[in-house]
Amino acid sequence: MRLIKRLLPVAALCAGIGIGAAWAQNPKTFSGAYVDATNTMMKNMDITFTGNADTDFARGSIALHQAAIDIAKAELQYGEDEKLKGLAQDIIDMRESDIALTRDWLKAKEIPEDSRAKKP
């Protein structure tokens, strides 16, 4: 039962309810960093859809990958388990590469990264 009570705020946040805003005011904890990363991701994934799946996927995935990086960095800072820290570092390395590839694709297609910057 205690586990359910501990996970309920995170589950509610992931469901879009937004519980956890108080944690966001204290990013000097893992939960604060997690909530900040998740809130930033949700804001940045709020793109204007173009109707082009490739463009929309590329724009939305950058925020998703950045959130994974930010949460993994929080694990490196606050976590203790070496296996999870290794996983976190792998996530950082892979997602940074994914973001670079996506940004290069957008640049090559002359598509602005932020869909709110310029309507296609």
PDB file of N, CA and C in Angstrom:
ATOM      1  N   MET A   1       0.823  -1.195   0.000  1.00  0.00           N
ATOM      2  CA  MET A   1       0.000   0.000   0.000  1.00  0.00           C
ATOM      3  C   MET A   1       0.867   1.259   0.000  1.00  0.00           C
ATOM      4  N   ARG A   2       1.977   1.200   0.758  1.00  0.00           N
ATOM      5  CA  ARG A   2       2.852   2.372   0.784  1.00  0.00           C
ATOM      6  C   ARG A   2       3.424   2.660  -0.597  1.00  0.00           C
ATOM      7  N   LEU A   3       3.750   1.595  -1.332  1.00  0.00           N
ATOM      8  CA  LEU A   3       4.297   1.782  -2.684  1.00  0.00           C
ATOM      9  C   LEU A   3       3.271   2.475  -3.578  1.00  0.00           C
ATOM     10  N   ILE A   4       2.028   2.060  -3.483  1.00  0.00           N
ATOM     11  CA  ILE A   4       0.979   2.689  -4.287  1.00  0.00           C
ATOM     12  C   ILE A   4       0.863   4.166  -3.938  1.00  0.00           C
ATOM     13  N   LYS A   5       0.912   4.483  -2.654  1.00  0.00           N
ATOM     14  CA  LYS A   5       0.817   5.885  -2.242  1.00  0.00           C
ATOM     15  C   LYS A   5       2.001   6.688  -2.756  1.00  0.00           C
ATOM     16  N   ARG A   6       3.170   6.055  -2.821  1.00  0.00           N
ATOM     17  CA  ARG A   6       4.358   6.759  -3.308  1.00  0.00           C
ATOM     18  C   ARG A   6       4.314   6.953  -4.819  1.00  0.00           C
ATOM     19  N   LEU A   7       3.738   5.998  -5.526  1.00  0.00           N
ATOM     20  CA  LEU A   7       3.710   6.076  -6.989  1.00  0.00           C
ATOM     21  C   LEU A   7       2.515   6.850  -7.527  1.00  0.00           C
ATOM     22  N   LEU A   8       1.482   7.021  -6.724  1.00  0.00           N
ATOM     23  CA  LEU A   8       0.284   7.697  -7.184  1.00  0.00           C
ATOM     24  C   LEU A   8       0.552   9.094  -7.745  1.00  0.00           C
ATOM     25  N   PRO A   9       1.333   9.950  -7.080  1.00  0.00           N
ATOM     26  CA  PRO A   9       1.586  11.277  -7.664  1.00  0.00           C
ATOM     27  C   PRO A   9       2.287  11.216  -9.017  1.00  0.00           C
ATOM     28  N   VAL A  10       3.223  10.283  -9.168  1.00  0.00           N
ATOM     29  CA  VAL A  10       3.934  10.161 -10.445  1.00  0.00           C
ATOM     30  C   VAL A  10       2.979   9.666 -11.524  1.00  0.00           C
ATOM     31  N   ALA A  11       2.145   8.690 -11.186  1.00  0.00           N
ATOM     32  CA  ALA A  11       1.181   8.173 -12.157  1.00  0.00           C
ATOM     33  C   ALA A  11       0.194   9.262 -12.567  1.00  0.00           C
ATOM     34  N   ALA A  12      -0.237  10.055 -11.615  1.00  0.00           N
ATOM     35  CA  ALA A  12      -1.174  11.133 -11.925  1.00  0.00           C
ATOM     36  C   ALA A  12      -0.529  12.168 -12.833  1.00  0.00           C
ATOM     37  N   LEU A  13       0.732  12.488 -12.580  1.00  0.00           N
ATOM     38  CA  LEU A  13       1.441  13.447 -13.426  1.00  0.00           C
ATOM     39  C   LEU A  13       1.541  12.915 -14.845  1.00  0.00           C
ATOM     40  N   CYS A  14       1.913  11.651 -14.964  1.00  0.00           N
ATOM     41  CA  CYS A  14       2.042  11.062 -16.290  1.00  0.00           C
ATOM     42  C   CYS A  14       0.710  11.024 -17.012  1.00  0.00           C
ATOM     43  N   ALA A  15      -0.372  10.953 -16.261  1.00  0.00           N
ATOM     44  CA  ALA A  15      -1.699  10.951 -16.871  1.00  0.00           C
ATOM     45  C   ALA A  15      -2.128  12.346 -17.289  1.00  0.00           C
ATOM     46  N   GLY A  16      -1.329  13.345 -16.981  1.00  0.00           N
ATOM     47  CA  GLY A  16      -1.626  14.700 -17.413  1.00  0.00           C
ATOM     48  C   GLY A  16      -2.370  15.518 -16.386  1.00  0.00           C
ATOM     49  N   ILE A  17      -2.525  14.988 -15.176  1.00  0.00           N
ATOM     50  CA  ILE A  17      -3.245  15.734 -14.157  1.00  0.00           C
ATOM     51  C   ILE A  17      -2.392  16.870 -13.616  1.00  0.00           C
ATOM     52  N   GLY A  18      -1.088  16.665 -13.579  1.00  0.00           N
ATOM     53  CA  GLY A  18      -0.196  17.734 -13.148  1.00  0.00           C
ATOM     54  C   GLY A  18       0.112  17.718 -11.666  1.00  0.00           C
ATOM     55  N   ILE A  19      -0.215  16.638 -10.960  1.00  0.00           N
ATOM     56  CA  ILE A  19       0.148  16.556  -9.551  1.00  0.00           C
ATOM     57  C   ILE A  19       1.667  16.519  -9.462  1.00  0.00           C
ATOM     58  N   GLY A  20       2.200  17.242  -8.527  1.00  0.00           N
ATOM     59  CA  GLY A  20       3.641  17.261  -8.357  1.00  0.00           C
ATOM     60  C   GLY A  20       4.215  18.636  -8.589  1.00  0.00           C
ATOM     61  N   ALA A  21       3.382  19.625  -8.805  1.00  0.00           N
ATOM     62  CA  ALA A  21       3.883  20.977  -9.056  1.00  0.00           C
ATOM     63  C   ALA A  21       4.707  21.479  -7.883  1.00  0.00           C
ATOM     64  N   ALA A  22       4.367  21.059  -6.681  1.00  0.00           N
ATOM     65  CA  ALA A  22       5.139  21.495  -5.511  1.00  0.00           C
ATOM     66  C   ALA A  22       6.570  20.970  -5.591  1.00  0.00           C
ATOM     67  N   TRP A  23       6.738  19.740  -6.112  1.00  0.00           N
ATOM     68  CA  TRP A  23       8.083  19.207  -6.260  1.00  0.00           C
ATOM     69  C   TRP A  23       8.907  20.053  -7.227  1.00  0.00           C
ATOM     70  N   ALA A  24       8.256  20.582  -8.214  1.00  0.00           N
ATOM     71  CA  ALA A  24       8.963  21.364  -9.232  1.00  0.00           C
ATOM     72  C   ALA A  24       9.598  22.605  -8.625  1.00  0.00           C
ATOM     73  N   GLN A  25       9.098  23.024  -7.473  1.00  0.00           N
ATOM     74  CA  GLN A  25       9.667  24.196  -6.822  1.00  0.00           C
ATOM     75  C   GLN A  25      10.969  23.864  -6.101  1.00  0.00           C
ATOM     76  N   ASN A  26      11.279  22.571  -5.951  1.00  0.00           N
ATOM     77  CA  ASN A  26      12.516  22.162  -5.296  1.00  0.00           C
ATOM     78  C   ASN A  26      13.245  21.160  -6.181  1.00  0.00           C
ATOM     79  N   PRO A  27      13.922  21.660  -7.229  1.00  0.00           N
ATOM     80  CA  PRO A  27      14.593  20.743  -8.134  1.00  0.00           C
ATOM     81  C   PRO A  27      15.849  20.119  -7.528  1.00  0.00           C
ATOM     82  N   LYS A  28      16.148  20.397  -6.253  1.00  0.00           N
ATOM     83  CA  LYS A  28      17.343  19.842  -5.626  1.00  0.00           C
ATOM     84  C   LYS A  28      17.070  18.471  -5.016  1.00  0.00           C
ATOM     85  N   THR A  29      16.072  17.783  -5.548  1.00  0.00           N
ATOM     86  CA  THR A  29      15.783  16.402  -5.205  1.00  0.00           C
ATOM     87  C   THR A  29      15.550  15.666  -6.509  1.00  0.00           C
ATOM     88  N   PHE A  30      15.630  14.331  -6.464  1.00  0.00           N
ATOM     89  CA  PHE A  30      15.355  13.576  -7.682  1.00  0.00           C
ATOM     90  C   PHE A  30      13.931  13.843  -8.159  1.00  0.00           C
ATOM     91  N   SER A  31      12.980  13.797  -7.231  1.00  0.00           N
ATOM     92  CA  SER A  31      11.586  13.985  -7.642  1.00  0.00           C
ATOM     93  C   SER A  31      11.357  15.375  -8.216  1.00  0.00           C
ATOM     94  N   GLY A  32      12.025  16.381  -7.673  1.00  0.00           N
ATOM     95  CA  GLY A  32      11.897  17.725  -8.224  1.00  0.00           C
ATOM     96  C   GLY A  32      12.449  17.810  -9.633  1.00  0.00           C
ATOM     97  N   ALA A  33      13.609  17.205  -9.854  1.00  0.00           N
ATOM     98  CA  ALA A  33      14.208  17.202 -11.190  1.00  0.00           C
ATOM     99  C   ALA A  33      13.343  16.422 -12.174  1.00  0.00           C
ATOM    100  N   TYR A  34      12.771  15.315 -11.691  1.00  0.00           N
ATOM    101  CA  TYR A  34      11.906  14.488 -12.535  1.00  0.00           C
ATOM    102  C   TYR A  34      10.673  15.273 -12.977  1.00  0.00           C
ATOM    103  N   VAL A  35      10.025  15.919 -12.025  1.00  0.00           N
ATOM    104  CA  VAL A  35       8.814  16.683 -12.342  1.00  0.00           C
ATOM    105  C   VAL A  35       9.152  17.858 -13.260  1.00  0.00           C
ATOM    106  N   ASP A  36      10.244  18.538 -13.005  1.00  0.00           N
ATOM    107  CA  ASP A  36      10.653  19.648 -13.876  1.00  0.00           C
ATOM    108  C   ASP A  36      10.875  19.149 -15.305  1.00  0.00           C
ATOM    109  N   ALA A  37      11.580  18.020 -15.441  1.00  0.00           N
ATOM    110  CA  ALA A  37      11.852  17.468 -16.773  1.00  0.00           C
ATOM    111  C   ALA A  37      10.561  17.083 -17.479  1.00  0.00           C
ATOM    112  N   THR A  38       9.647  16.475 -16.743  1.00  0.00           N
ATOM    113  CA  THR A  38       8.379  16.042 -17.324  1.00  0.00           C
ATOM    114  C   THR A  38       7.516  17.234 -17.725  1.00  0.00           C
ATOM    115  N   ASN A  39       7.449  18.235 -16.868  1.00  0.00           N
ATOM    116  CA  ASN A  39       6.652  19.429 -17.194  1.00  0.00           C
ATOM    117  C   ASN A  39       7.215  20.154 -18.411  1.00  0.00           C
ATOM    118  N   THR A  40       8.536  20.280 -18.478  1.00  0.00           N
ATOM    119  CA  THR A  40       9.181  20.922 -19.630  1.00  0.00           C
ATOM    120  C   THR A  40       8.907  20.125 -20.898  1.00  0.00           C
ATOM    121  N   MET A  41       8.990  18.795 -20.796  1.00  0.00           N
ATOM    122  CA  MET A  41       8.725  17.948 -21.952  1.00  0.00           C
ATOM    123  C   MET A  41       7.305  18.161 -22.469  1.00  0.00           C
ATOM    124  N   MET A  42       6.335  18.161 -21.563  1.00  0.00           N
ATOM    125  CA  MET A  42       4.950  18.311 -21.990  1.00  0.00           C
ATOM    126  C   MET A  42       4.724  19.665 -22.669  1.00  0.00           C
ATOM    127  N   LYS A  43       5.336  20.701 -22.128  1.00  0.00           N
ATOM    128  CA  LYS A  43       5.225  22.032 -22.741  1.00  0.00           C
ATOM    129  C   LYS A  43       5.859  22.037 -24.131  1.00  0.00           C
ATOM    130  N   ASN A  44       7.034  21.442 -24.256  1.00  0.00           N
ATOM    131  CA  ASN A  44       7.757  21.482 -25.527  1.00  0.00           C
ATOM    132  C   ASN A  44       7.213  20.501 -26.562  1.00  0.00           C
ATOM    133  N   MET A  45       6.438  19.512 -26.126  1.00  0.00           N
ATOM    134  CA  MET A  45       5.814  18.589 -27.078  1.00  0.00           C
ATOM    135  C   MET A  45       4.496  19.135 -27.606  1.00  0.00           C
ATOM    136  N   ASP A  46       4.081  20.268 -27.110  1.00  0.00           N
ATOM    137  CA  ASP A  46       2.837  20.894 -27.562  1.00  0.00           C
ATOM    138  C   ASP A  46       3.115  21.637 -28.865  1.00  0.00           C
ATOM    139  N   ILE A  47       3.274  20.864 -29.915  1.00  0.00           N
ATOM    140  CA  ILE A  47       3.632  21.427 -31.216  1.00  0.00           C
ATOM    141  C   ILE A  47       2.386  21.719 -32.041  1.00  0.00           C
ATOM    142  N   THR A  48       2.552  22.542 -33.028  1.00  0.00           N
ATOM    143  CA  THR A  48       1.513  22.749 -34.028  1.00  0.00           C
ATOM    144  C   THR A  48       1.731  21.688 -35.100  1.00  0.00           C
ATOM    145  N   PHE A  49       0.758  20.799 -35.264  1.00  0.00           N
ATOM    146  CA  PHE A  49       0.922  19.716 -36.220  1.00  0.00           C
ATOM    147  C   PHE A  49       0.824  20.239 -37.642  1.00  0.00           C
ATOM    148  N   THR A  50       1.695  19.706 -38.491  1.00  0.00           N
ATOM    149  CA  THR A  50       1.762  20.147 -39.881  1.00  0.00           C
ATOM    150  C   THR A  50       0.991  19.239 -40.818  1.00  0.00           C
ATOM    151  N   GLY A  51       0.676  18.034 -40.355  1.00  0.00           N
ATOM    152  CA  GLY A  51       0.078  17.043 -41.241  1.00  0.00           C
ATOM    153  C   GLY A  51       1.136  16.166 -41.889  1.00  0.00           C
ATOM    154  N   ASN A  52       2.409  16.505 -41.684  1.00  0.00           N
ATOM    155  CA  ASN A  52       3.510  15.697 -42.193  1.00  0.00           C
ATOM    156  C   ASN A  52       4.060  14.890 -41.021  1.00  0.00           C
ATOM    157  N   ALA A  53       3.887  13.583 -41.067  1.00  0.00           N
ATOM    158  CA  ALA A  53       4.289  12.722 -39.953  1.00  0.00           C
ATOM    159  C   ALA A  53       5.772  12.852 -39.624  1.00  0.00           C
ATOM    160  N   ASP A  54       6.620  12.952 -40.631  1.00  0.00           N
ATOM    161  CA  ASP A  54       8.059  13.047 -40.386  1.00  0.00           C
ATOM    162  C   ASP A  54       8.406  14.320 -39.629  1.00  0.00           C
ATOM    163  N   THR A  55       7.869  15.438 -40.083  1.00  0.00           N
ATOM    164  CA  THR A  55       8.141  16.725 -39.431  1.00  0.00           C
ATOM    165  C   THR A  55       7.615  16.733 -37.999  1.00  0.00           C
ATOM    166  N   ASP A  56       6.379  16.281 -37.830  1.00  0.00           N
ATOM    167  CA  ASP A  56       5.771  16.293 -36.506  1.00  0.00           C
ATOM    168  C   ASP A  56       6.500  15.345 -35.550  1.00  0.00           C
ATOM    169  N   PHE A  57       6.880  14.179 -36.057  1.00  0.00           N
ATOM    170  CA  PHE A  57       7.646  13.227 -35.249  1.00  0.00           C
ATOM    171  C   PHE A  57       8.973  13.833 -34.811  1.00  0.00           C
ATOM    172  N   ALA A  58       9.681  14.446 -35.747  1.00  0.00           N
ATOM    173  CA  ALA A  58      10.993  15.020 -35.439  1.00  0.00           C
ATOM    174  C   ALA A  58      10.869  16.118 -34.386  1.00  0.00           C
ATOM    175  N   ARG A  59       9.925  17.014 -34.571  1.00  0.00           N
ATOM    176  CA  ARG A  59       9.756  18.121 -33.625  1.00  0.00           C
ATOM    177  C   ARG A  59       9.367  17.620 -32.240  1.00  0.00           C
ATOM    178  N   GLY A  60       8.452  16.687 -32.171  1.00  0.00           N
ATOM    179  CA  GLY A  60       8.007  16.188 -30.877  1.00  0.00           C
ATOM    180  C   GLY A  60       9.027  15.326 -30.172  1.00  0.00           C
ATOM    181  N   SER A  61       9.811  14.588 -30.936  1.00  0.00           N
ATOM    182  CA  SER A  61      10.740  13.657 -30.303  1.00  0.00           C
ATOM    183  C   SER A  61      11.917  14.352 -29.633  1.00  0.00           C
ATOM    184  N   ILE A  62      12.268  15.540 -30.063  1.00  0.00           N
ATOM    185  CA  ILE A  62      13.378  16.252 -29.416  1.00  0.00           C
ATOM    186  C   ILE A  62      13.059  16.492 -27.945  1.00  0.00           C
ATOM    187  N   ALA A  63      11.866  16.954 -27.650  1.00  0.00           N
ATOM    188  CA  ALA A  63      11.475  17.202 -26.256  1.00  0.00           C
ATOM    189  C   ALA A  63      11.443  15.908 -25.456  1.00  0.00           C
ATOM    190  N   LEU A  64      10.962  14.839 -26.072  1.00  0.00           N
ATOM    191  CA  LEU A  64      10.907  13.545 -25.401  1.00  0.00           C
ATOM    192  C   LEU A  64      12.309  13.062 -25.043  1.00  0.00           C
ATOM    193  N   HIS A  65      13.219  13.144 -25.988  1.00  0.00           N
ATOM    194  CA  HIS A  65      14.593  12.706 -25.747  1.00  0.00           C
ATOM    195  C   HIS A  65      15.279  13.597 -24.702  1.00  0.00           C
ATOM    196  N   GLN A  66      15.012  14.898 -24.747  1.00  0.00           N
ATOM    197  CA  GLN A  66      15.626  15.809 -23.768  1.00  0.00           C
ATOM    198  C   GLN A  66      15.143  15.489 -22.357  1.00  0.00           C
ATOM    199  N   ALA A  67      13.871  15.152 -22.215  1.00  0.00           N
ATOM    200  CA  ALA A  67      13.352  14.778 -20.897  1.00  0.00           C
ATOM    201  C   ALA A  67      14.044  13.521 -20.384  1.00  0.00           C
ATOM    202  N   ALA A  68      14.250  12.554 -21.270  1.00  0.00           N
ATOM    203  CA  ALA A  68      14.963  11.333 -20.866  1.00  0.00           C
ATOM    204  C   ALA A  68      16.376  11.669 -20.401  1.00  0.00           C
ATOM    205  N   ILE A  69      17.040  12.581 -21.098  1.00  0.00           N
ATOM    206  CA  ILE A  69      18.379  13.014 -20.702  1.00  0.00           C
ATOM    207  C   ILE A  69      18.341  13.685 -19.336  1.00  0.00           C
ATOM    208  N   ASP A  70      17.403  14.592 -19.138  1.00  0.00           N
ATOM    209  CA  ASP A  70      17.321  15.328 -17.876  1.00  0.00           C
ATOM    210  C   ASP A  70      17.032  14.395 -16.699  1.00  0.00           C
ATOM    211  N   ILE A  71      16.153  13.423 -16.899  1.00  0.00           N
ATOM    212  CA  ILE A  71      15.844  12.463 -15.835  1.00  0.00           C
ATOM    213  C   ILE A  71      17.041  11.560 -15.573  1.00  0.00           C
ATOM    214  N   ALA A  72      17.733  11.150 -16.619  1.00  0.00           N
ATOM    215  CA  ALA A  72      18.925  10.315 -16.448  1.00  0.00           C
ATOM    216  C   ALA A  72      20.025  11.076 -15.711  1.00  0.00           C
ATOM    217  N   LYS A  73      20.169  12.359 -15.995  1.00  0.00           N
ATOM    218  CA  LYS A  73      21.159  13.170 -15.267  1.00  0.00           C
ATOM    219  C   LYS A  73      20.798  13.268 -13.786  1.00  0.00           C
ATOM    220  N   ALA A  74      19.513  13.324 -13.491  1.00  0.00           N
ATOM    221  CA  ALA A  74      19.080  13.338 -12.094  1.00  0.00           C
ATOM    222  C   ALA A  74      19.426  12.016 -11.415  1.00  0.00           C
ATOM    223  N   GLU A  75      19.279  10.905 -12.142  1.00  0.00           N
ATOM    224  CA  GLU A  75      19.673   9.603 -11.585  1.00  0.00           C
ATOM    225  C   GLU A  75      21.169   9.588 -11.289  1.00  0.00           C
ATOM    226  N   LEU A  76      21.970  10.130 -12.198  1.00  0.00           N
ATOM    227  CA  LEU A  76      23.419  10.185 -11.950  1.00  0.00           C
ATOM    228  C   LEU A  76      23.733  11.020 -10.708  1.00  0.00           C
ATOM    229  N   GLN A  77      22.992  12.095 -10.521  1.00  0.00           N
ATOM    230  CA  GLN A  77      23.252  12.980  -9.388  1.00  0.00           C
ATOM    231  C   GLN A  77      22.744  12.409  -8.065  1.00  0.00           C
ATOM    232  N   TYR A  78      21.564  11.825  -8.076  1.00  0.00           N
ATOM    233  CA  TYR A  78      20.922  11.424  -6.820  1.00  0.00           C
ATOM    234  C   TYR A  78      20.893   9.915  -6.578  1.00  0.00           C
ATOM    235  N   GLY A  79      21.044   9.130  -7.626  1.00  0.00           N
ATOM    236  CA  GLY A  79      20.953   7.680  -7.485  1.00  0.00           C
ATOM    237  C   GLY A  79      22.185   7.081  -6.839  1.00  0.00           C
ATOM    238  N   GLU A  80      22.039   5.847  -6.385  1.00  0.00           N
ATOM    239  CA  GLU A  80      23.143   5.153  -5.719  1.00  0.00           C
ATOM    240  C   GLU A  80      23.528   3.855  -6.422  1.00  0.00           C
ATOM    241  N   ASP A  81      22.603   3.238  -7.133  1.00  0.00           N
ATOM    242  CA  ASP A  81      22.850   1.940  -7.746  1.00  0.00           C
ATOM    243  C   ASP A  81      23.697   2.106  -9.011  1.00  0.00           C
ATOM    244  N   GLU A  82      24.813   1.417  -9.040  1.00  0.00           N
ATOM    245  CA  GLU A  82      25.750   1.570 -10.168  1.00  0.00           C
ATOM    246  C   GLU A  82      25.174   1.050 -11.484  1.00  0.00           C
ATOM    247  N   LYS A  83      24.359  -0.007 -11.442  1.00  0.00           N
ATOM    248  CA  LYS A  83      23.740  -0.499 -12.683  1.00  0.00           C
ATOM    249  C   LYS A  83      22.782   0.540 -13.253  1.00  0.00           C
ATOM    250  N   LEU A  84      21.987   1.146 -12.389  1.00  0.00           N
ATOM    251  CA  LEU A  84      21.064   2.172 -12.874  1.00  0.00           C
ATOM    252  C   LEU A  84      21.807   3.413 -13.340  1.00  0.00           C
ATOM    253  N   LYS A  85      22.911   3.734 -12.677  1.00  0.00           N
ATOM    254  CA  LYS A  85      23.707   4.873 -13.136  1.00  0.00           C
ATOM    255  C   LYS A  85      24.320   4.580 -14.503  1.00  0.00           C
ATOM    256  N   GLY A  86      24.728   3.342 -14.723  1.00  0.00           N
ATOM    257  CA  GLY A  86      25.237   2.952 -16.041  1.00  0.00           C
ATOM    258  C   GLY A  86      24.160   3.063 -17.100  1.00  0.00           C
ATOM    259  N   LEU A  87      22.950   2.606 -16.768  1.00  0.00           N
ATOM    260  CA  LEU A  87      21.819   2.744 -17.679  1.00  0.00           C
ATOM    261  C   LEU A  87      21.540   4.212 -17.965  1.00  0.00           C
ATOM    262  N   ALA A  88      21.564   5.029 -16.922  1.00  0.00           N
ATOM    263  CA  ALA A  88      21.321   6.471 -17.096  1.00  0.00           C
ATOM    264  C   ALA A  88      22.343   7.073 -18.053  1.00  0.00           C
ATOM    265  N   GLN A  89      23.609   6.712 -17.915  1.00  0.00           N
ATOM    266  CA  GLN A  89      24.638   7.251 -18.809  1.00  0.00           C
ATOM    267  C   GLN A  89      24.416   6.785 -20.240  1.00  0.00           C
ATOM    268  N   ASP A  90      24.007   5.521 -20.405  1.00  0.00           N
ATOM    269  CA  ASP A  90      23.701   5.021 -21.744  1.00  0.00           C
ATOM    270  C   ASP A  90      22.538   5.797 -22.365  1.00  0.00           C
ATOM    271  N   ILE A  91      21.526   6.092 -21.553  1.00  0.00           N
ATOM    272  CA  ILE A  91      20.373   6.859 -22.033  1.00  0.00           C
ATOM    273  C   ILE A  91      20.824   8.236 -22.495  1.00  0.00           C
ATOM    274  N   ILE A  92      21.672   8.878 -21.700  1.00  0.00           N
ATOM    275  CA  ILE A  92      22.180  10.208 -22.064  1.00  0.00           C
ATOM    276  C   ILE A  92      22.908  10.144 -23.399  1.00  0.00           C
ATOM    277  N   ASP A  93      23.808   9.194 -23.531  1.00  0.00           N
ATOM    278  CA  ASP A  93      24.603   9.077 -24.760  1.00  0.00           C
ATOM    279  C   ASP A  93      23.718   8.820 -25.982  1.00  0.00           C
ATOM    280  N   MET A  94      22.769   7.893 -25.845  1.00  0.00           N
ATOM    281  CA  MET A  94      21.902   7.557 -26.983  1.00  0.00           C
ATOM    282  C   MET A  94      20.975   8.708 -27.343  1.00  0.00           C
ATOM    283  N   ARG A  95      20.356   9.315 -26.351  1.00  0.00           N
ATOM    284  CA  ARG A  95      19.386  10.374 -26.632  1.00  0.00           C
ATOM    285  C   ARG A  95      20.065  11.630 -27.170  1.00  0.00           C
ATOM    286  N   GLU A  96      21.286  11.940 -26.707  1.00  0.00           N
ATOM    287  CA  GLU A  96      22.005  13.084 -27.286  1.00  0.00           C
ATOM    288  C   GLU A  96      22.270  12.844 -28.766  1.00  0.00           C
ATOM    289  N   SER A  97      22.621  11.621 -29.104  1.00  0.00           N
ATOM    290  CA  SER A  97      22.844  11.263 -30.508  1.00  0.00           C
ATOM    291  C   SER A  97      21.543  11.372 -31.304  1.00  0.00           C
ATOM    292  N   ASP A  98      20.435  10.921 -30.715  1.00  0.00           N
ATOM    293  CA  ASP A  98      19.136  11.013 -31.387  1.00  0.00           C
ATOM    294  C   ASP A  98      18.736  12.465 -31.641  1.00  0.00           C
ATOM    295  N   ILE A  99      18.968  13.313 -30.646  1.00  0.00           N
ATOM    296  CA  ILE A  99      18.633  14.734 -30.806  1.00  0.00           C
ATOM    297  C   ILE A  99      19.475  15.359 -31.915  1.00  0.00           C
ATOM    298  N   ALA A 100      20.759  15.057 -31.935  1.00  0.00           N
ATOM    299  CA  ALA A 100      21.642  15.605 -32.975  1.00  0.00           C
ATOM    300  C   ALA A 100      21.188  15.158 -34.363  1.00  0.00           C
ATOM    301  N   LEU A 101      20.857  13.881 -34.505  1.00  0.00           N
ATOM    302  CA  LEU A 101      20.389  13.366 -35.793  1.00  0.00           C
ATOM    303  C   LEU A 101      19.097  14.062 -36.215  1.00  0.00           C
ATOM    304  N   THR A 102      18.183  14.236 -35.266  1.00  0.00           N
ATOM    305  CA  THR A 102      16.903  14.875 -35.570  1.00  0.00           C
ATOM    306  C   THR A 102      17.092  16.332 -35.955  1.00  0.00           C
ATOM    307  N   ARG A 103      17.932  17.040 -35.215  1.00  0.00           N
ATOM    308  CA  ARG A 103      18.188  18.451 -35.546  1.00  0.00           C
ATOM    309  C   ARG A 103      18.856  18.579 -36.907  1.00  0.00           C
ATOM    310  N   ASP A 104      19.768  17.671 -37.228  1.00  0.00           N
ATOM    311  CA  ASP A 104      20.410  17.685 -38.543  1.00  0.00           C
ATOM    312  C   ASP A 104      19.377  17.454 -39.644  1.00  0.00           C
ATOM    313  N   TRP A 105      18.440  16.533 -39.415  1.00  0.00           N
ATOM    314  CA  TRP A 105      17.398  16.258 -40.402  1.00  0.00           C
ATOM    315  C   TRP A 105      16.535  17.489 -40.626  1.00  0.00           C
ATOM    316  N   LEU A 106      16.109  18.118 -39.524  1.00  0.00           N
ATOM    317  CA  LEU A 106      15.287  19.327 -39.649  1.00  0.00           C
ATOM    318  C   LEU A 106      16.039  20.431 -40.391  1.00  0.00           C
ATOM    319  N   LYS A 107      17.311  20.601 -40.053  1.00  0.00           N
ATOM    320  CA  LYS A 107      18.112  21.646 -40.697  1.00  0.00           C
ATOM    321  C   LYS A 107      18.267  21.362 -42.192  1.00  0.00           C
ATOM    322  N   ALA A 108      18.530  20.115 -42.542  1.00  0.00           N
ATOM    323  CA  ALA A 108      18.694  19.754 -43.955  1.00  0.00           C
ATOM    324  C   ALA A 108      17.411  20.000 -44.752  1.00  0.00           C
ATOM    325  N   LYS A 109      16.274  19.849 -44.101  1.00  0.00           N
ATOM    326  CA  LYS A 109      14.983  20.078 -44.751  1.00  0.00           C
ATOM    327  C   LYS A 109      14.519  21.530 -44.624  1.00  0.00           C
ATOM    328  N   GLU A 110      15.350  22.357 -43.963  1.00  0.00           N
ATOM    329  CA  GLU A 110      15.034  23.770 -43.726  1.00  0.00           C
ATOM    330  C   GLU A 110      13.707  23.928 -42.985  1.00  0.00           C
ATOM    331  N   ILE A 111      13.516  23.083 -41.984  1.00  0.00           N
ATOM    332  CA  ILE A 111      12.314  23.113 -41.153  1.00  0.00           C
ATOM    333  C   ILE A 111      12.708  23.645 -39.785  1.00  0.00           C
ATOM    334  N   PRO A 112      12.045  24.688 -39.297  1.00  0.00           N
ATOM    335  CA  PRO A 112      12.376  25.193 -37.966  1.00  0.00           C
ATOM    336  C   PRO A 112      12.062  24.140 -36.899  1.00  0.00           C
ATOM    337  N   GLU A 113      12.936  24.041 -35.914  1.00  0.00           N
ATOM    338  CA  GLU A 113      12.751  23.055 -34.845  1.00  0.00           C
ATOM    339  C   GLU A 113      11.496  23.341 -34.036  1.00  0.00           C
ATOM    340  N   ASP A 114      11.257  24.598 -33.740  1.00  0.00           N
ATOM    341  CA  ASP A 114      10.094  24.986 -32.942  1.00  0.00           C
ATOM    342  C   ASP A 114       8.947  25.295 -33.883  1.00  0.00           C
ATOM    343  N   SER A 115       7.903  24.492 -33.802  1.00  0.00           N
ATOM    344  CA  SER A 115       6.776  24.668 -34.732  1.00  0.00           C
ATOM    345  C   SER A 115       6.052  25.987 -34.503  1.00  0.00           C
ATOM    346  N   ARG A 116       6.232  26.582 -33.344  1.00  0.00           N
ATOM    347  CA  ARG A 116       5.578  27.866 -33.078  1.00  0.00           C
ATOM    348  C   ARG A 116       6.375  29.013 -33.670  1.00  0.00           C
ATOM    349  N   ALA A 117       7.620  28.736 -34.088  1.00  0.00           N
ATOM    350  CA  ALA A 117       8.476  29.794 -34.629  1.00  0.00           C
ATOM    351  C   ALA A 117       8.005  30.252 -36.002  1.00  0.00           C
ATOM    352  N   LYS A 118       7.540  29.305 -36.801  1.00  0.00           N
ATOM    353  CA  LYS A 118       7.135  29.632 -38.174  1.00  0.00           C
ATOM    354  C   LYS A 118       6.190  28.556 -38.660  1.00  0.00           C
ATOM    355  N   LYS A 119       5.052  28.942 -39.093  1.00  0.00           N
ATOM    356  CA  LYS A 119       4.089  27.973 -39.622  1.00  0.00           C
ATOM    357  C   LYS A 119       4.532  27.519 -40.999  1.00  0.00           C
ATOM    358  N   PRO A 120       4.545  26.215 -41.253  1.00  0.00           N
ATOM    359  CA  PRO A 120       4.953  25.711 -42.584  1.00  0.00           C
ATOM    360  C   PRO A 120       3.928  26.057 -43.644  1.00  0.00           C
TER     361      PRO A 120
END
